[in-house]
C-alpha atoms as a PDB file:
ATOM      1  CA  MET A   1      -5.413  96.458 156.505  1.00  0.00           C
ATOM      2  CA  PRO A   2      -7.117  98.023 153.454  1.00  0.00           C
ATOM      3  CA  ASP A   3      -5.744  97.108 150.035  1.00  0.00           C
ATOM      4  CA  ASN A   4      -4.348 100.589 149.379  1.00  0.00           C
ATOM      5  CA  GLU A   5      -2.397 100.500 152.667  1.00  0.00           C
ATOM      6  CA  THR A   6      -1.055  97.009 151.849  1.00  0.00           C
ATOM      7  CA  ASN A   7       0.168  98.219 148.471  1.00  0.00           C
ATOM      8  CA  THR A   8       1.819 101.258 150.048  1.00  0.00           C
ATOM      9  CA  ALA A   9       3.653  99.083 152.610  1.00  0.00           C
ATOM     10  CA  ALA A  10       4.798  96.668 149.914  1.00  0.00           C
ATOM     11  CA  ALA A  11       6.119  99.532 147.798  1.00  0.00           C
ATOM     12  CA  ALA A  12       8.029 100.900 150.777  1.00  0.00           C
ATOM     13  CA  VAL A  13       9.667  97.536 151.413  1.00  0.00           C
ATOM     14  CA  SER A  14      10.439  97.185 147.707  1.00  0.00           C
ATOM     15  CA  GLY A  15      12.043 100.626 147.659  1.00  0.00           C
ATOM     16  CA  LYS A  16      14.462  99.596 150.407  1.00  0.00           C
ATOM     17  CA  ARG A  17      15.538  96.431 148.634  1.00  0.00           C
ATOM     18  CA  LYS A  18      19.322  96.035 148.633  1.00  0.00           C
ATOM     19  CA  PRO A  19      21.277  94.991 145.500  1.00  0.00           C
ATOM     20  CA  ARG A  20      22.523  91.441 145.254  1.00  0.00           C
ATOM     21  CA  SER A  21      25.986  91.109 146.802  1.00  0.00           C
ATOM     22  CA  TYR A  22      27.691  90.389 143.461  1.00  0.00           C
ATOM     23  CA  ALA A  23      26.223  93.611 142.050  1.00  0.00           C
ATOM     24  CA  ASP A  24      26.854  95.799 145.098  1.00  0.00           C
ATOM     25  CA  PRO A  25      29.790  98.194 144.440  1.00  0.00           C
ATOM     26  CA  GLU A  26      30.133  98.986 148.133  1.00  0.00           C
ATOM     27  CA  PHE A  27      30.644  95.323 148.990  1.00  0.00           C
ATOM     28  CA  LEU A  28      32.806  94.522 145.951  1.00  0.00           C
ATOM     29  CA  ASN A  29      35.208  97.319 146.891  1.00  0.00           C
ATOM     30  CA  SER A  30      35.376  96.321 150.545  1.00  0.00           C
ATOM     31  CA  SER A  31      38.169  94.398 152.260  1.00  0.00           C
ATOM     32  CA  GLU A  32      35.778  91.458 152.706  1.00  0.00           C
ATOM     33  CA  ALA A  33      35.516  91.057 148.912  1.00  0.00           C
ATOM     34  CA  ARG A  34      39.275  91.151 148.226  1.00  0.00           C
ATOM     35  CA  ALA A  35      39.292  87.455 147.275  1.00  0.00           C
ATOM     36  CA  ILE A  36      36.602  88.117 144.661  1.00  0.00           C
ATOM     37  CA  ARG A  37      38.634  90.963 143.151  1.00  0.00           C
ATOM     38  CA  ILE A  38      41.739  88.774 143.030  1.00  0.00           C
ATOM     39  CA  LEU A  39      39.803  85.985 141.344  1.00  0.00           C
ATOM     40  CA  ALA A  40      38.380  88.462 138.824  1.00  0.00           C
ATOM     41  CA  GLU A  41      41.931  89.432 137.804  1.00  0.00           C
ATOM     42  CA  TYR A  42      42.514  85.777 136.966  1.00  0.00           C
ATOM     43  CA  LEU A  43      39.211  84.879 135.289  1.00  0.00           C
ATOM     44  CA  GLU A  44      38.574  87.997 133.184  1.00  0.00           C
ATOM     45  CA  PRO A  45      42.009  87.954 131.472  1.00  0.00           C
ATOM     46  CA  GLN A  46      41.718  84.193 130.966  1.00  0.00           C
ATOM     47  CA  ALA A  47      38.388  84.647 129.175  1.00  0.00           C
ATOM     48  CA  ARG A  48      39.777  87.395 126.960  1.00  0.00           C
ATOM     49  CA  PHE A  49      42.931  85.465 126.053  1.00  0.00           C
ATOM     50  CA  ARG A  50      40.793  82.489 125.045  1.00  0.00           C
ATOM     51  CA  LYS A  51      38.482  84.649 122.974  1.00  0.00           C
ATOM     52  CA  GLU A  52      41.445  86.237 121.174  1.00  0.00           C
ATOM     53  CA  LYS A  53      43.118  82.802 120.729  1.00  0.00           C
ATOM     54  CA  ILE A  54      46.308  83.863 122.480  1.00  0.00           C
ATOM     55  CA  ARG A  55      48.128  80.616 123.220  1.00  0.00           C
ATOM     56  CA  ASP A  56      51.460  82.004 124.415  1.00  0.00           C
ATOM     57  CA  THR A  57      53.618  85.118 124.531  1.00  0.00           C
ATOM     58  CA  VAL A  58      57.115  86.569 124.382  1.00  0.00           C
ATOM     59  CA  VAL A  59      57.370  89.011 127.263  1.00  0.00           C
ATOM     60  CA  PHE A  60      59.409  92.219 127.152  1.00  0.00           C
ATOM     61  CA  PHE A  61      60.464  93.852 130.429  1.00  0.00           C
ATOM     62  CA  GLY A  62      62.279  97.177 130.732  1.00  0.00           C
ATOM     63  CA  SER A  63      62.209 100.678 132.078  1.00  0.00           C
ATOM     64  CA  ALA A  64      59.261 103.008 131.616  1.00  0.00           C
ATOM     65  CA  ARG A  65      61.805 105.861 131.553  1.00  0.00           C
ATOM     66  CA  ILE A  66      63.718 104.886 128.400  1.00  0.00           C
ATOM     67  CA  HIS A  67      62.335 106.756 125.397  1.00  0.00           C
ATOM     68  CA  GLU A  68      63.093 107.363 121.706  1.00  0.00           C
ATOM     69  CA  THR A  69      65.617 110.048 122.592  1.00  0.00           C
ATOM     70  CA  GLY A  70      67.999 110.204 125.512  1.00  0.00           C
ATOM     71  CA  PRO A  71      71.110 108.481 126.848  1.00  0.00           C
ATOM     72  CA  LEU A  72      69.610 104.953 126.697  1.00  0.00           C
ATOM     73  CA  SER A  73      67.429 105.482 123.621  1.00  0.00           C
ATOM     74  CA  ARG A  74      69.134 102.762 121.598  1.00  0.00           C
ATOM     75  CA  TYR A  75      67.428 100.209 123.818  1.00  0.00           C
ATOM     76  CA  TYR A  76      64.037 101.645 122.854  1.00  0.00           C
ATOM     77  CA  HIS A  77      64.857 101.235 119.164  1.00  0.00           C
ATOM     78  CA  ASP A  78      66.339  97.760 119.688  1.00  0.00           C
ATOM     79  CA  ALA A  79      63.241  96.617 121.579  1.00  0.00           C
ATOM     80  CA  ARG A  80      61.000  97.954 118.843  1.00  0.00           C
ATOM     81  CA  LYS A  81      62.987  96.172 116.116  1.00  0.00           C
ATOM     82  CA  LEU A  82      63.186  92.883 118.017  1.00  0.00           C
ATOM     83  CA  ALA A  83      59.427  92.912 118.652  1.00  0.00           C
ATOM     84  CA  ARG A  84      58.814  93.572 114.956  1.00  0.00           C
ATOM     85  CA  LEU A  85      61.094  90.709 113.881  1.00  0.00           C
ATOM     86  CA  LEU A  86      59.440  88.270 116.284  1.00  0.00           C
ATOM     87  CA  THR A  87      55.950  89.307 115.198  1.00  0.00           C
ATOM     88  CA  GLU A  88      56.772  88.920 111.503  1.00  0.00           C
ATOM     89  CA  TRP A  89      58.279  85.495 112.179  1.00  0.00           C
ATOM     90  CA  SER A  90      55.333  84.390 114.302  1.00  0.00           C
ATOM     91  CA  ALA A  91      52.905  85.398 111.547  1.00  0.00           C
ATOM     92  CA  SER A  92      54.724  83.061 109.150  1.00  0.00           C
ATOM     93  CA  LEU A  93      54.114  79.969 111.303  1.00  0.00           C
ATOM     94  CA  PRO A  94      51.381  77.599 110.065  1.00  0.00           C
ATOM     95  CA  VAL A  95      49.038  77.679 113.050  1.00  0.00           C
ATOM     96  CA  ASP A  96      45.476  78.767 113.700  1.00  0.00           C
ATOM     97  CA  GLU A  97      46.000  80.171 117.182  1.00  0.00           C
ATOM     98  CA  ARG A  98      48.213  83.153 117.903  1.00  0.00           C
ATOM     99  CA  HIS A  99      51.604  82.063 119.149  1.00  0.00           C
ATOM    100  CA  TYR A 100      54.587  84.024 120.444  1.00  0.00           C
ATOM    101  CA  VAL A 101      52.540  87.206 120.753  1.00  0.00           C
ATOM    102  CA  ILE A 102      54.482  90.192 122.084  1.00  0.00           C
ATOM    103  CA  CYS A 103      53.498  91.082 125.640  1.00  0.00           C
ATOM    104  CA  SER A 104      54.641  94.048 127.714  1.00  0.00           C
ATOM    105  CA  GLY A 105      53.709  95.784 130.931  1.00  0.00           C
ATOM    106  CA  GLY A 106      51.567  98.093 128.841  1.00  0.00           C
ATOM    107  CA  GLY A 107      53.174 101.380 129.854  1.00  0.00           C
ATOM    108  CA  PRO A 108      55.660 103.802 128.252  1.00  0.00           C
ATOM    109  CA  GLY A 109      59.372 103.355 127.538  1.00  0.00           C
ATOM    110  CA  ILE A 110      60.577  99.860 126.658  1.00  0.00           C
ATOM    111  CA  MET A 111      57.020  98.580 127.101  1.00  0.00           C
ATOM    112  CA  GLU A 112      55.778 101.001 124.454  1.00  0.00           C
ATOM    113  CA  ALA A 113      58.659 100.044 122.153  1.00  0.00           C
ATOM    114  CA  ALA A 114      57.686  96.359 122.328  1.00  0.00           C
ATOM    115  CA  ASN A 115      54.011  96.980 121.553  1.00  0.00           C
ATOM    116  CA  ARG A 116      54.995  99.455 118.856  1.00  0.00           C
ATOM    117  CA  GLY A 117      57.269  96.922 117.157  1.00  0.00           C
ATOM    118  CA  ALA A 118      54.443  94.391 117.037  1.00  0.00           C
ATOM    119  CA  SER A 119      52.175  97.077 115.598  1.00  0.00           C
ATOM    120  CA  ASP A 120      54.816  97.914 112.957  1.00  0.00           C
ATOM    121  CA  ALA A 121      54.536  94.292 111.782  1.00  0.00           C
ATOM    122  CA  GLY A 122      50.730  94.423 111.705  1.00  0.00           C
ATOM    123  CA  GLY A 123      50.418  92.029 114.627  1.00  0.00           C
ATOM    124  CA  LYS A 124      48.488  91.977 117.856  1.00  0.00           C
ATOM    125  CA  SER A 125      50.210  92.587 121.174  1.00  0.00           C
ATOM    126  CA  VAL A 126      49.345  92.390 124.847  1.00  0.00           C
ATOM    127  CA  GLY A 127      49.649  95.118 127.483  1.00  0.00           C
ATOM    128  CA  LEU A 128      49.378  94.095 131.145  1.00  0.00           C
ATOM    129  CA  ASN A 129      49.046  97.520 132.689  1.00  0.00           C
ATOM    130  CA  ILE A 130      49.076  98.256 136.427  1.00  0.00           C
ATOM    131  CA  SER A 131      47.252 101.061 138.202  1.00  0.00           C
ATOM    132  CA  LEU A 132      49.898 103.364 139.688  1.00  0.00           C
ATOM    133  CA  PRO A 133      49.847 106.983 140.877  1.00  0.00           C
ATOM    134  CA  PHE A 134      52.605 107.887 138.363  1.00  0.00           C
ATOM    135  CA  GLU A 135      54.353 106.692 135.180  1.00  0.00           C
ATOM    136  CA  GLN A 136      51.999 103.908 134.199  1.00  0.00           C
ATOM    137  CA  GLU A 137      49.463 104.826 131.524  1.00  0.00           C
ATOM    138  CA  PRO A 138      48.592 102.401 128.702  1.00  0.00           C
ATOM    139  CA  ASN A 139      50.604 103.113 125.570  1.00  0.00           C
ATOM    140  CA  ALA A 140      48.892 103.693 122.234  1.00  0.00           C
ATOM    141  CA  TYR A 141      50.183 100.537 120.508  1.00  0.00           C
ATOM    142  CA  ILE A 142      48.484  97.797 122.545  1.00  0.00           C
ATOM    143  CA  SER A 143      45.741  95.870 120.740  1.00  0.00           C
ATOM    144  CA  ASP A 144      42.399  97.100 122.090  1.00  0.00           C
ATOM    145  CA  ALA A 145      41.112  93.648 123.032  1.00  0.00           C
ATOM    146  CA  LEU A 146      44.391  92.816 124.808  1.00  0.00           C
ATOM    147  CA  ASN A 147      44.727  95.964 126.893  1.00  0.00           C
ATOM    148  CA  PHE A 148      44.474  94.905 130.546  1.00  0.00           C
ATOM    149  CA  GLU A 149      44.417  96.931 133.758  1.00  0.00           C
ATOM    150  CA  PHE A 150      45.490  95.255 137.013  1.00  0.00           C
ATOM    151  CA  HIS A 151      45.298  96.373 140.607  1.00  0.00           C
ATOM    152  CA  TYR A 152      47.314  93.527 142.111  1.00  0.00           C
ATOM    153  CA  PHE A 153      50.981  93.226 141.155  1.00  0.00           C
ATOM    154  CA  PHE A 154      51.024  89.495 141.879  1.00  0.00           C
ATOM    155  CA  MET A 155      48.116  88.769 139.525  1.00  0.00           C
ATOM    156  CA  ARG A 156      49.817  90.792 136.800  1.00  0.00           C
ATOM    157  CA  LYS A 157      53.004  88.780 137.386  1.00  0.00           C
ATOM    158  CA  LEU A 158      51.056  85.539 137.133  1.00  0.00           C
ATOM    159  CA  TRP A 159      49.855  86.479 133.657  1.00  0.00           C
ATOM    160  CA  PHE A 160      53.366  87.473 132.610  1.00  0.00           C
ATOM    161  CA  ALA A 161      54.692  84.032 133.562  1.00  0.00           C
ATOM    162  CA  TYR A 162      51.667  81.866 132.777  1.00  0.00           C
ATOM    163  CA  LEU A 163      51.586  82.445 129.018  1.00  0.00           C
ATOM    164  CA  ALA A 164      55.245  83.267 128.397  1.00  0.00           C
ATOM    165  CA  LYS A 165      57.507  80.997 126.373  1.00  0.00           C
ATOM    166  CA  ALA A 166      60.359  83.518 126.409  1.00  0.00           C
ATOM    167  CA  LEU A 167      61.344  86.612 128.351  1.00  0.00           C
ATOM    168  CA  VAL A 168      63.495  89.526 127.143  1.00  0.00           C
ATOM    169  CA  VAL A 169      64.766  91.865 129.841  1.00  0.00           C
ATOM    170  CA  PHE A 170      65.958  95.308 128.751  1.00  0.00           C
ATOM    171  CA  PRO A 171      67.626  97.815 131.093  1.00  0.00           C
ATOM    172  CA  GLY A 172      65.338  98.900 133.888  1.00  0.00           C
ATOM    173  CA  GLY A 173      64.974  99.739 137.548  1.00  0.00           C
ATOM    174  CA  PHE A 174      63.331  98.195 140.594  1.00  0.00           C
ATOM    175  CA  GLY A 175      60.268  96.914 138.733  1.00  0.00           C
ATOM    176  CA  THR A 176      62.275  95.324 135.931  1.00  0.00           C
ATOM    177  CA  MET A 177      64.646  93.668 138.400  1.00  0.00           C
ATOM    178  CA  ASP A 178      61.718  92.410 140.448  1.00  0.00           C
ATOM    179  CA  GLU A 179      60.145  90.840 137.362  1.00  0.00           C
ATOM    180  CA  LEU A 180      63.449  89.354 136.166  1.00  0.00           C
ATOM    181  CA  PHE A 181      64.294  87.741 139.495  1.00  0.00           C
ATOM    182  CA  GLU A 182      60.743  86.487 139.972  1.00  0.00           C
ATOM    183  CA  VAL A 183      61.009  84.483 136.741  1.00  0.00           C
ATOM    184  CA  LEU A 184      64.601  83.364 137.376  1.00  0.00           C
ATOM    185  CA  THR A 185      63.529  82.090 140.801  1.00  0.00           C
ATOM    186  CA  LEU A 186      60.645  80.127 139.262  1.00  0.00           C
ATOM    187  CA  VAL A 187      63.021  78.595 136.714  1.00  0.00           C
ATOM    188  CA  GLN A 188      65.770  77.913 139.284  1.00  0.00           C
ATOM    189  CA  THR A 189      63.376  76.168 141.692  1.00  0.00           C
ATOM    190  CA  HIS A 190      61.544  74.266 138.918  1.00  0.00           C
ATOM    191  CA  LYS A 191      58.250  75.866 139.857  1.00  0.00           C
ATOM    192  CA  LEU A 192      57.804  76.707 136.188  1.00  0.00           C
ATOM    193  CA  LYS A 193      56.689  73.501 134.472  1.00  0.00           C
ATOM    194  CA  LYS A 194      57.886  74.417 131.004  1.00  0.00           C
ATOM    195  CA  PRO A 195      61.052  75.461 129.191  1.00  0.00           C
ATOM    196  CA  MET A 196      61.586  79.213 129.540  1.00  0.00           C
ATOM    197  CA  THR A 197      64.104  81.135 127.466  1.00  0.00           C
ATOM    198  CA  VAL A 198      65.320  84.133 129.466  1.00  0.00           C
ATOM    199  CA  MET A 199      67.353  86.744 127.608  1.00  0.00           C
ATOM    200  CA  ILE A 200      69.062  89.664 129.340  1.00  0.00           C
ATOM    201  CA  TYR A 201      69.530  92.445 126.818  1.00  0.00           C
ATOM    202  CA  GLY A 202      72.296  95.020 127.207  1.00  0.00           C
ATOM    203  CA  PRO A 203      75.292  93.437 129.002  1.00  0.00           C
ATOM    204  CA  GLU A 204      77.065  96.801 129.365  1.00  0.00           C
ATOM    205  CA  PHE A 205      74.222  98.043 131.533  1.00  0.00           C
ATOM    206  CA  TRP A 206      73.360  94.846 133.381  1.00  0.00           C
ATOM    207  CA  ARG A 207      76.879  93.710 134.236  1.00  0.00           C
ATOM    208  CA  GLU A 208      77.534  97.053 135.884  1.00  0.00           C
ATOM    209  CA  VAL A 209      74.249  96.978 137.788  1.00  0.00           C
ATOM    210  CA  ILE A 210      74.218  93.288 138.832  1.00  0.00           C
ATOM    211  CA  ASN A 211      77.293  91.093 139.205  1.00  0.00           C
ATOM    212  CA  PHE A 212      75.876  87.657 138.514  1.00  0.00           C
ATOM    213  CA  ASP A 213      79.328  86.043 138.571  1.00  0.00           C
ATOM    214  CA  ALA A 214      79.902  87.425 142.077  1.00  0.00           C
ATOM    215  CA  LEU A 215      76.672  85.776 143.250  1.00  0.00           C
ATOM    216  CA  ALA A 216      78.080  82.440 142.064  1.00  0.00           C
ATOM    217  CA  LYS A 217      81.557  83.220 143.429  1.00  0.00           C
ATOM    218  CA  TYR A 218      80.201  83.777 146.933  1.00  0.00           C
ATOM    219  CA  GLY A 219      78.030  80.690 146.710  1.00  0.00           C
ATOM    220  CA  VAL A 220      74.642  82.349 147.097  1.00  0.00           C
ATOM    221  CA  ILE A 221      73.647  80.852 143.737  1.00  0.00           C
ATOM    222  CA  ALA A 222      75.050  77.777 142.010  1.00  0.00           C
ATOM    223  CA  GLN A 223      77.470  78.166 139.129  1.00  0.00           C
ATOM    224  CA  GLU A 224      74.889  76.448 136.937  1.00  0.00           C
ATOM    225  CA  ASP A 225      72.356  79.181 137.753  1.00  0.00           C
ATOM    226  CA  VAL A 226      74.346  81.658 135.646  1.00  0.00           C
ATOM    227  CA  LYS A 227      73.390  79.482 132.663  1.00  0.00           C
ATOM    228  CA  LEU A 228      69.661  80.005 133.231  1.00  0.00           C
ATOM    229  CA  PHE A 229      69.731  83.023 130.923  1.00  0.00           C
ATOM    230  CA  HIS A 230      71.291  84.241 127.684  1.00  0.00           C
ATOM    231  CA  TRP A 231      72.944  87.565 126.860  1.00  0.00           C
ATOM    232  CA  ALA A 232      72.203  89.717 123.813  1.00  0.00           C
ATOM    233  CA  ASP A 233      73.139  93.191 122.621  1.00  0.00           C
ATOM    234  CA  ASP A 234      71.872  93.276 119.047  1.00  0.00           C
ATOM    235  CA  PRO A 235      68.266  92.822 117.877  1.00  0.00           C
ATOM    236  CA  ASP A 236      69.153  90.585 114.921  1.00  0.00           C
ATOM    237  CA  ALA A 237      71.291  88.271 117.056  1.00  0.00           C
ATOM    238  CA  ALA A 238      68.619  88.292 119.764  1.00  0.00           C
ATOM    239  CA  PHE A 239      65.971  87.324 117.216  1.00  0.00           C
ATOM    240  CA  ASP A 240      68.079  84.467 115.857  1.00  0.00           C
ATOM    241  CA  LEU A 241      68.612  83.055 119.343  1.00  0.00           C
ATOM    242  CA  LEU A 242      64.988  83.481 120.463  1.00  0.00           C
ATOM    243  CA  SER A 243      63.453  81.999 117.322  1.00  0.00           C
ATOM    244  CA  LYS A 244      65.795  78.980 117.482  1.00  0.00           C
ATOM    245  CA  GLU A 245      65.080  78.433 121.180  1.00  0.00           C
ATOM    246  CA  LEU A 246      61.334  78.718 120.659  1.00  0.00           C
ATOM    247  CA  MET A 247      61.383  76.273 117.762  1.00  0.00           C
ATOM    248  CA  LYS A 248      63.592  73.850 119.711  1.00  0.00           C
ATOM    249  CA  ASN A 249      61.361  73.928 122.779  1.00  0.00           C
ATOM    250  CA  TRP A 250      57.925  74.421 121.249  1.00  0.00           C
ATOM    251  CA  GLY A 251      58.028  73.939 117.491  1.00  0.00           C
ATOM    252  CA  HIS A 252      55.217  75.578 115.557  1.00  0.00           C
ATOM    253  CA  GLY A 253      52.963  75.654 118.585  1.00  0.00           C
ATOM    254  CA  ASN A 254      50.800  72.833 117.236  1.00  0.00           C
ATOM    255  CA  GLY A 255      49.235  71.978 120.580  1.00  0.00           C
ATOM    256  CA  ILE A 256      51.236  68.820 121.301  1.00  0.00           C
ATOM    257  CA  HIS A 257      53.417  70.488 123.914  1.00  0.00           C
ATOM    258  CA  PRO A 258      52.508  70.753 127.626  1.00  0.00           C
ATOM    259  CA  PRO A 259      50.217  73.617 128.617  1.00  0.00           C
ATOM    260  CA  SER A 260      51.582  76.833 130.050  1.00  0.00           C
ATOM    261  CA  GLU A 261      51.578  76.061 133.726  1.00  0.00           C
ATOM    262  CA  ILE A 262      53.031  77.103 137.060  1.00  0.00           C
ATOM    263  CA  LEU A 263      53.127  74.600 139.914  1.00  0.00           C
END
């Protein structure tokens, strides 16, 4: 075959060359590559948290539908104040890494209030957003480098629990209850290998919505399980309890405590 024909054939083959599998969008978005996408939602956040020196978090859960005004608006303002108090306190601790950083689901409502409170105090905060067809857009108060977008609910939940040293649960609906009971189950079954302070905020709301005492009365949980969480209804009292619990369990976050870990 003449040289010009050889070159033409080689160019044709080269033009049909497929992208490597790890750079092929069609493959990466296929069902066959689901495991890779799941792994990416573990590794990419891990890399970013390390880069930003985020050692641990205080997670705020609550409804996306509670805003600055409205029948439940006081919870928005309480969440904002509590997040500010915790962020100011955390900034006073003598550590190099960032400890007790406010973390929310990244959306509106109580999530926005938590990130906003951290911003009020000049601190960083985390937003673990989830792609949904409605409600869930990242709020404006999340730190840019800590604004995450998840596809898989279970990977988002992992990052809520993995770094958390405390959890504050404001009034909310299905999603908030799902997140609350996920963590309570991990604590109850000792699958969480660390002390976890769980605070349920707003007893007037929660005791009407969920009768925890009835669960113990009927024997579907142990009486001791009702002691797995604390109640609060005032941001100053909530801050006092959380800061004391965090100091008792973790001190100044000087690295001598066990790593954040789930069995």
